[in-house]
């Protein structure tokens, strides 16, 4: 596993702030935006490439801002400071505040600065497309803030998985909207399985953090349930994700080639097996977390590829 950050390893300010966004996890939002663009391509719309590239950038910036603010608010409530069972770099936060790389104030200001950049970019995109884009942008920013910020602290109220699924769906819908300047049901249908797998990454990451989160009052479902029961929540979310994909193909909402995304299922199954076996031993869950990330990204990539390829078969 990588070593935790220290002031000595991040003397360069640019590298320090870039790493504070947890860039490895930003691939999840990048993939969500790519799914949205693939849906437009599938529907035979002409892609505006500059707008597509800007959409990818702004989706990543929004995710980065949410990551940074989550670190700040978790430092405020004390959960990251008392987390001794974390699996770095996957759980327990970025450790930038706890290890003295950035102060709480620097982290807070950086997070809101990223959100400010996204808001400005959103206004520009809105003027290039349609005013309704504001609903998607505001929804995403509110979810990114309210996920961990008081007084809402939605993750502490058992709504974290819903926030993550909704946030990634908004990225998919937003990438689609920017291209067609109109709302469509297609990105919701095609992107729902990916959004559920993204939510499952949050779910499994909460097992190593469970004791610290309970102490800090972050009562998500993994904290509310006994470990022996909570582990089956992961299986449920996997079942819903792939069940949605199968149902969408069966009823004709998605092309049959979308079943390519089922090739990610073995990764989810293996991760589920490891979690069921080691849920009470959080330090043994690193492999399951890696498999969960792999399943999410593989599912997204295969789904995007199937949407692109099925265009030629319409």
Protein backbone atom coordinates (compact mmCIF):
# COMPACT_ATOMS: atom_id res chain seq x y z
CA UNK A 1 0.00 0.00 0.00
CA UNK A 2 1.22 3.60 -0.64
CA UNK A 3 2.64 5.55 2.28
CA UNK A 4 0.48 8.24 3.83
CA UNK A 5 1.25 11.85 2.84
CA UNK A 6 3.66 13.98 4.86
CA UNK A 7 4.81 17.60 4.48
CA UNK A 8 8.21 16.32 3.32
CA UNK A 9 6.75 14.36 0.41
CA UNK A 10 4.60 17.26 -0.84
CA UNK A 11 6.82 20.32 -0.76
CA UNK A 12 5.57 21.41 -4.19
CA UNK A 13 2.31 23.37 -3.69
CA UNK A 14 0.78 22.21 -6.97
CA UNK A 15 1.50 18.55 -6.22
CA UNK A 16 0.19 19.01 -2.68
CA UNK A 17 -3.17 20.43 -3.69
CA UNK A 18 -3.55 18.08 -6.63
CA UNK A 19 -2.96 15.03 -4.43
CA UNK A 20 -5.42 16.38 -1.83
CA UNK A 21 -8.24 15.84 -4.35
CA UNK A 22 -7.57 12.06 -4.22
CA UNK A 23 -7.04 11.92 -8.01
CA UNK A 24 -7.17 8.11 -8.29
CA UNK A 25 -10.84 8.20 -7.26
CA UNK A 26 -11.67 10.88 -9.84
CA UNK A 27 -11.66 8.19 -12.52
CA UNK A 28 -15.14 7.29 -11.25
CA UNK A 29 -16.59 10.67 -12.29
CA UNK A 30 -14.58 10.63 -15.52
CA UNK A 31 -16.14 7.26 -16.39
CA UNK A 32 -19.62 8.55 -15.53
CA UNK A 33 -19.19 11.47 -17.94
CA UNK A 34 -17.93 9.09 -20.63
CA UNK A 35 -21.08 6.99 -20.23
CA UNK A 36 -23.19 10.11 -20.77
CA UNK A 37 -21.29 10.96 -23.94
CA UNK A 38 -21.56 7.37 -25.19
CA UNK A 39 -25.34 7.55 -24.77
CA UNK A 40 -25.47 10.63 -26.99
CA UNK A 41 -23.30 8.92 -29.57
CA UNK A 42 -25.55 5.87 -29.46
CA UNK A 43 -28.60 8.05 -30.14
CA UNK A 44 -26.95 9.37 -33.33
CA UNK A 45 -26.44 12.88 -32.01
CA UNK A 46 -23.43 14.85 -33.23
CA UNK A 47 -20.85 15.24 -30.48
CA UNK A 48 -19.49 18.73 -29.85
CA UNK A 49 -15.94 17.66 -28.97
CA UNK A 50 -14.82 20.87 -27.18
CA UNK A 51 -17.99 20.81 -25.05
CA UNK A 52 -17.45 17.11 -24.36
CA UNK A 53 -13.89 17.72 -23.14
CA UNK A 54 -14.99 20.61 -20.95
CA UNK A 55 -17.78 18.47 -19.51
CA UNK A 56 -15.25 15.79 -18.57
CA UNK A 57 -13.04 18.40 -16.89
CA UNK A 58 -15.85 20.02 -14.91
CA UNK A 59 -17.23 16.65 -13.76
CA UNK A 60 -13.81 15.78 -12.38
CA UNK A 61 -13.48 19.19 -10.68
CA UNK A 62 -16.87 18.77 -9.00
CA UNK A 63 -15.85 15.35 -7.69
CA UNK A 64 -12.51 16.77 -6.52
CA UNK A 65 -14.26 19.54 -4.61
CA UNK A 66 -16.57 17.05 -2.92
CA UNK A 67 -13.57 14.89 -1.90
CA UNK A 68 -11.73 17.86 -0.39
CA UNK A 69 -14.76 19.15 1.51
CA UNK A 70 -15.46 15.65 2.81
CA UNK A 71 -11.94 15.61 4.26
CA UNK A 72 -12.57 18.97 5.90
CA UNK A 73 -15.88 18.01 7.49
CA UNK A 74 -14.54 14.62 8.60
CA UNK A 75 -11.70 16.49 10.31
CA UNK A 76 -14.29 18.71 11.99
CA UNK A 77 -16.28 15.78 13.38
CA UNK A 78 -13.14 13.85 14.36
CA UNK A 79 -13.78 10.61 12.52
CA UNK A 80 -10.54 10.61 10.49
CA UNK A 81 -8.41 11.56 13.49
CA UNK A 82 -9.57 8.56 15.53
CA UNK A 83 -9.56 6.08 12.64
CA UNK A 84 -6.96 3.41 13.41
CA UNK A 85 -8.41 0.65 11.20
CA UNK A 86 -8.27 2.59 7.92
CA UNK A 87 -6.92 1.08 4.73
CA UNK A 88 -4.98 3.88 3.08
CA UNK A 89 -5.49 5.21 0.42
CA UNK A 90 -9.01 3.77 0.17
CA UNK A 91 -10.55 4.66 3.53
CA UNK A 92 -10.00 7.08 6.38
CA UNK A 93 -9.70 10.16 4.19
CA UNK A 94 -6.69 11.61 2.40
CA UNK A 95 -4.82 12.13 5.74
CA UNK A 96 -3.63 15.55 4.53
CA UNK A 97 -5.09 17.34 7.55
CA UNK A 98 -4.23 14.67 10.12
CA UNK A 99 -0.60 14.45 8.90
CA UNK A 100 -0.08 18.21 8.72
CA UNK A 101 0.20 18.55 4.93
CA UNK A 102 -2.71 21.01 4.77
CA UNK A 103 -4.52 22.84 7.55
CA UNK A 104 -8.26 22.57 8.03
CA UNK A 105 -8.72 26.14 6.78
CA UNK A 106 -6.60 25.50 3.67
CA UNK A 107 -8.60 22.36 2.94
CA UNK A 108 -11.93 24.13 3.40
CA UNK A 109 -10.92 27.05 1.20
CA UNK A 110 -9.57 24.74 -1.51
CA UNK A 111 -12.78 22.70 -1.57
CA UNK A 112 -15.00 25.75 -1.92
CA UNK A 113 -12.65 27.21 -4.54
CA UNK A 114 -13.07 24.06 -6.63
CA UNK A 115 -16.84 24.31 -6.24
CA UNK A 116 -16.64 27.97 -7.25
CA UNK A 117 -14.78 27.04 -10.44
CA UNK A 118 -17.43 24.43 -11.22
CA UNK A 119 -20.22 26.97 -10.64
CA UNK A 120 -18.62 29.49 -13.01
CA UNK A 121 -18.06 26.78 -15.62
CA UNK A 122 -21.64 25.62 -15.18
CA UNK A 123 -22.97 29.08 -15.93
CA UNK A 124 -20.84 29.22 -19.08
CA UNK A 125 -22.09 25.79 -20.19
CA UNK A 126 -25.65 26.80 -19.39
CA UNK A 127 -25.33 29.83 -21.67
CA UNK A 128 -24.00 27.56 -24.42
CA UNK A 129 -26.85 25.05 -24.05
CA UNK A 130 -30.10 25.54 -22.12
CA UNK A 131 -30.99 27.17 -18.80
CA UNK A 132 -32.31 23.86 -17.43
CA UNK A 133 -28.70 22.76 -16.95
CA UNK A 134 -28.78 24.76 -13.73
CA UNK A 135 -30.91 22.06 -12.09
CA UNK A 136 -28.25 19.42 -12.75
CA UNK A 137 -25.39 21.65 -11.64
CA UNK A 138 -27.05 22.85 -8.44
CA UNK A 139 -28.16 19.33 -7.62
CA UNK A 140 -24.62 18.02 -7.93
CA UNK A 141 -23.06 20.80 -5.84
CA UNK A 142 -25.70 20.48 -3.12
CA UNK A 143 -25.20 16.73 -2.90
CA UNK A 144 -21.39 17.14 -2.81
CA UNK A 145 -21.69 19.61 0.08
CA UNK A 146 -24.59 18.10 2.03
CA UNK A 147 -23.09 14.60 1.96
CA UNK A 148 -20.85 15.41 4.93
CA UNK A 149 -21.48 19.06 5.89
CA UNK A 150 -23.61 20.02 8.90
CA UNK A 151 -26.44 20.48 9.50
CA UNK A 152 -27.54 17.98 6.84
CA UNK A 153 -24.69 15.41 7.05
CA UNK A 154 -26.62 13.07 4.80
CA UNK A 155 -24.14 10.19 5.05
CA UNK A 156 -24.50 10.25 8.83
CA UNK A 157 -28.26 9.84 8.37
CA UNK A 158 -27.99 6.69 6.27
CA UNK A 159 -28.35 8.50 2.95
CA UNK A 160 -24.74 8.29 1.76
CA UNK A 161 -25.27 5.55 -0.81
CA UNK A 162 -28.28 7.43 -2.21
CA UNK A 163 -26.15 10.59 -2.47
CA UNK A 164 -23.38 8.79 -4.34
CA UNK A 165 -25.78 7.09 -6.76
CA UNK A 166 -27.64 10.36 -7.39
CA UNK A 167 -24.40 12.30 -7.81
CA UNK A 168 -22.99 9.98 -10.44
CA UNK A 169 -26.33 9.81 -12.23
CA UNK A 170 -26.30 13.62 -12.38
CA UNK A 171 -22.87 13.51 -14.05
CA UNK A 172 -24.18 11.04 -16.65
CA UNK A 173 -27.35 13.08 -17.22
CA UNK A 174 -25.33 16.31 -17.34
CA UNK A 175 -22.87 15.03 -19.95
CA UNK A 176 -25.83 13.92 -22.05
CA UNK A 177 -27.72 17.20 -21.56
CA UNK A 178 -24.81 19.40 -22.59
CA UNK A 179 -24.72 17.64 -25.96
CA UNK A 180 -28.44 17.47 -26.78
CA UNK A 181 -29.62 20.57 -24.84
CA UNK A 182 -32.61 18.61 -23.59
CA UNK A 183 -33.48 16.06 -20.93
CA UNK A 184 -33.76 12.41 -21.88
CA UNK A 185 -34.60 9.22 -20.00
CA UNK A 186 -31.77 7.40 -21.82
CA UNK A 187 -28.92 8.45 -19.48
CA UNK A 188 -30.97 7.50 -16.42
CA UNK A 189 -31.70 4.04 -17.79
CA UNK A 190 -28.20 3.35 -19.07
CA UNK A 191 -26.34 4.87 -16.13
CA UNK A 192 -28.29 3.48 -13.18
CA UNK A 193 -26.30 0.24 -12.88
CA UNK A 194 -23.00 2.16 -12.89
CA UNK A 195 -24.32 4.58 -10.26
CA UNK A 196 -25.22 1.64 -8.00
CA UNK A 197 -21.74 0.12 -8.35
CA UNK A 198 -20.24 3.52 -7.47
CA UNK A 199 -22.44 3.59 -4.36
CA UNK A 200 -21.18 0.12 -3.47
CA UNK A 201 -17.63 1.45 -3.33
CA UNK A 202 -18.74 3.81 -0.59
CA UNK A 203 -20.55 0.94 1.12
CA UNK A 204 -17.55 -1.38 1.33
CA UNK A 205 -15.20 1.45 2.31
CA UNK A 206 -17.29 2.04 5.41
CA UNK A 207 -16.35 -1.31 6.97
CA UNK A 208 -12.75 -0.36 7.87
CA UNK A 209 -14.02 3.05 9.03
CA UNK A 210 -16.95 1.65 11.03
CA UNK A 211 -15.58 1.99 14.57
CA UNK A 212 -14.30 5.54 14.01
CA UNK A 213 -17.53 6.57 12.31
CA UNK A 214 -19.66 5.25 15.17
CA UNK A 215 -17.50 7.18 17.64
CA UNK A 216 -17.98 10.36 15.59
CA UNK A 217 -21.72 9.87 15.14
CA UNK A 218 -21.57 9.01 11.43
CA UNK A 219 -24.39 6.51 11.49
CA UNK A 220 -24.51 5.19 7.95
CA UNK A 221 -25.99 1.75 7.38
CA UNK A 222 -22.74 -0.13 7.96
CA UNK A 223 -22.56 1.61 11.35
CA UNK A 224 -26.24 1.10 12.17
CA UNK A 225 -26.32 -2.61 11.42
CA UNK A 226 -24.36 -5.41 13.02
CA UNK A 227 -21.44 -6.41 10.81
CA UNK A 228 -22.92 -9.85 10.13
CA UNK A 229 -26.02 -8.18 8.66
CA UNK A 230 -24.37 -5.15 7.08
CA UNK A 231 -22.16 -7.28 4.80
CA UNK A 232 -25.23 -8.47 2.88
CA UNK A 233 -26.00 -4.91 1.87
CA UNK A 234 -23.11 -5.15 -0.58
CA UNK A 235 -24.61 -8.26 -2.15
CA UNK A 236 -27.98 -6.52 -2.41
CA UNK A 237 -26.52 -3.51 -4.25
CA UNK A 238 -24.60 -5.76 -6.66
CA UNK A 239 -27.79 -7.72 -7.35
CA UNK A 240 -29.75 -4.53 -8.01
CA UNK A 241 -27.07 -3.15 -10.34
CA UNK A 242 -26.74 -6.17 -12.60
CA UNK A 243 -30.44 -6.95 -12.27
CA UNK A 244 -31.23 -3.48 -13.61
CA UNK A 245 -28.91 -4.05 -16.57
CA UNK A 246 -30.54 -7.39 -17.40
CA UNK A 247 -34.04 -5.99 -17.03
CA UNK A 248 -33.24 -2.98 -19.23
CA UNK A 249 -32.02 -5.25 -22.00
CA UNK A 250 -34.93 -7.67 -21.59
CA UNK A 251 -37.61 -4.97 -21.91
CA UNK A 252 -35.78 -3.27 -24.80
CA UNK A 253 -34.57 -0.13 -23.07
CA UNK A 254 -30.95 -1.05 -23.87
CA UNK A 255 -29.44 -2.84 -26.86
CA UNK A 256 -28.44 -6.47 -26.33
CA UNK A 257 -24.77 -5.54 -26.70
CA UNK A 258 -25.09 -3.81 -23.32
CA UNK A 259 -24.81 -7.28 -21.79
CA UNK A 260 -21.07 -6.87 -22.39
CA UNK A 261 -21.09 -4.97 -19.09
CA UNK A 262 -21.92 -8.27 -17.35
CA UNK A 263 -18.27 -9.21 -17.85
CA UNK A 264 -17.57 -7.09 -14.79
CA UNK A 265 -19.82 -9.30 -12.65
CA UNK A 266 -17.10 -11.83 -11.65
CA UNK A 267 -15.13 -8.98 -10.05
CA UNK A 268 -18.18 -7.95 -8.02
CA UNK A 269 -18.86 -11.56 -7.02
CA UNK A 270 -15.28 -12.09 -5.82
CA UNK A 271 -15.38 -8.82 -3.88
CA UNK A 272 -18.66 -9.87 -2.28
CA UNK A 273 -17.18 -13.24 -1.28
CA UNK A 274 -14.21 -11.53 0.39
CA UNK A 275 -16.45 -9.08 2.22
CA UNK A 276 -18.80 -11.80 3.47
CA UNK A 277 -15.77 -13.73 4.73
CA UNK A 278 -13.80 -10.84 6.26
CA UNK A 279 -16.39 -8.19 7.17
CA UNK A 280 -15.40 -8.42 10.84
CA UNK A 281 -11.69 -8.22 9.91
CA UNK A 282 -11.49 -4.84 8.12
CA UNK A 283 -7.73 -4.99 7.56
CA UNK A 284 -8.31 -7.92 5.19
CA UNK A 285 -10.67 -5.98 2.93
CA UNK A 286 -8.07 -4.21 0.77
CA UNK A 287 -8.40 -6.80 -2.00
CA UNK A 288 -12.20 -6.56 -1.93
CA UNK A 289 -12.03 -2.77 -2.25
CA UNK A 290 -9.67 -3.03 -5.24
CA UNK A 291 -12.04 -5.53 -6.87
CA UNK A 292 -14.97 -3.19 -6.22
CA UNK A 293 -13.17 -0.33 -7.96
CA UNK A 294 -12.24 -2.65 -10.82
CA UNK A 295 -15.82 -3.86 -11.21
CA UNK A 296 -17.17 -0.32 -11.27
CA UNK A 297 -14.69 0.94 -13.88
CA UNK A 298 -14.88 -2.22 -16.02
CA UNK A 299 -18.68 -2.06 -15.97
CA UNK A 300 -18.61 1.59 -17.02
CA UNK A 301 -16.06 1.04 -19.78
CA UNK A 302 -17.88 -2.01 -21.18
CA UNK A 303 -21.22 -0.23 -21.00
CA UNK A 304 -19.81 2.77 -22.88
CA UNK A 305 -18.24 0.49 -25.49
CA UNK A 306 -21.51 -1.38 -25.99
CA UNK A 307 -23.41 1.89 -26.48
CA UNK A 308 -20.91 3.01 -29.10
CA UNK A 309 -20.85 -0.33 -30.92
CA UNK A 310 -24.62 -0.79 -30.86
CA UNK A 311 -25.07 2.47 -32.77
CA UNK A 312 -23.94 0.65 -35.89
CA UNK A 313 -26.52 -2.05 -35.28
CA UNK A 314 -29.59 0.16 -34.94
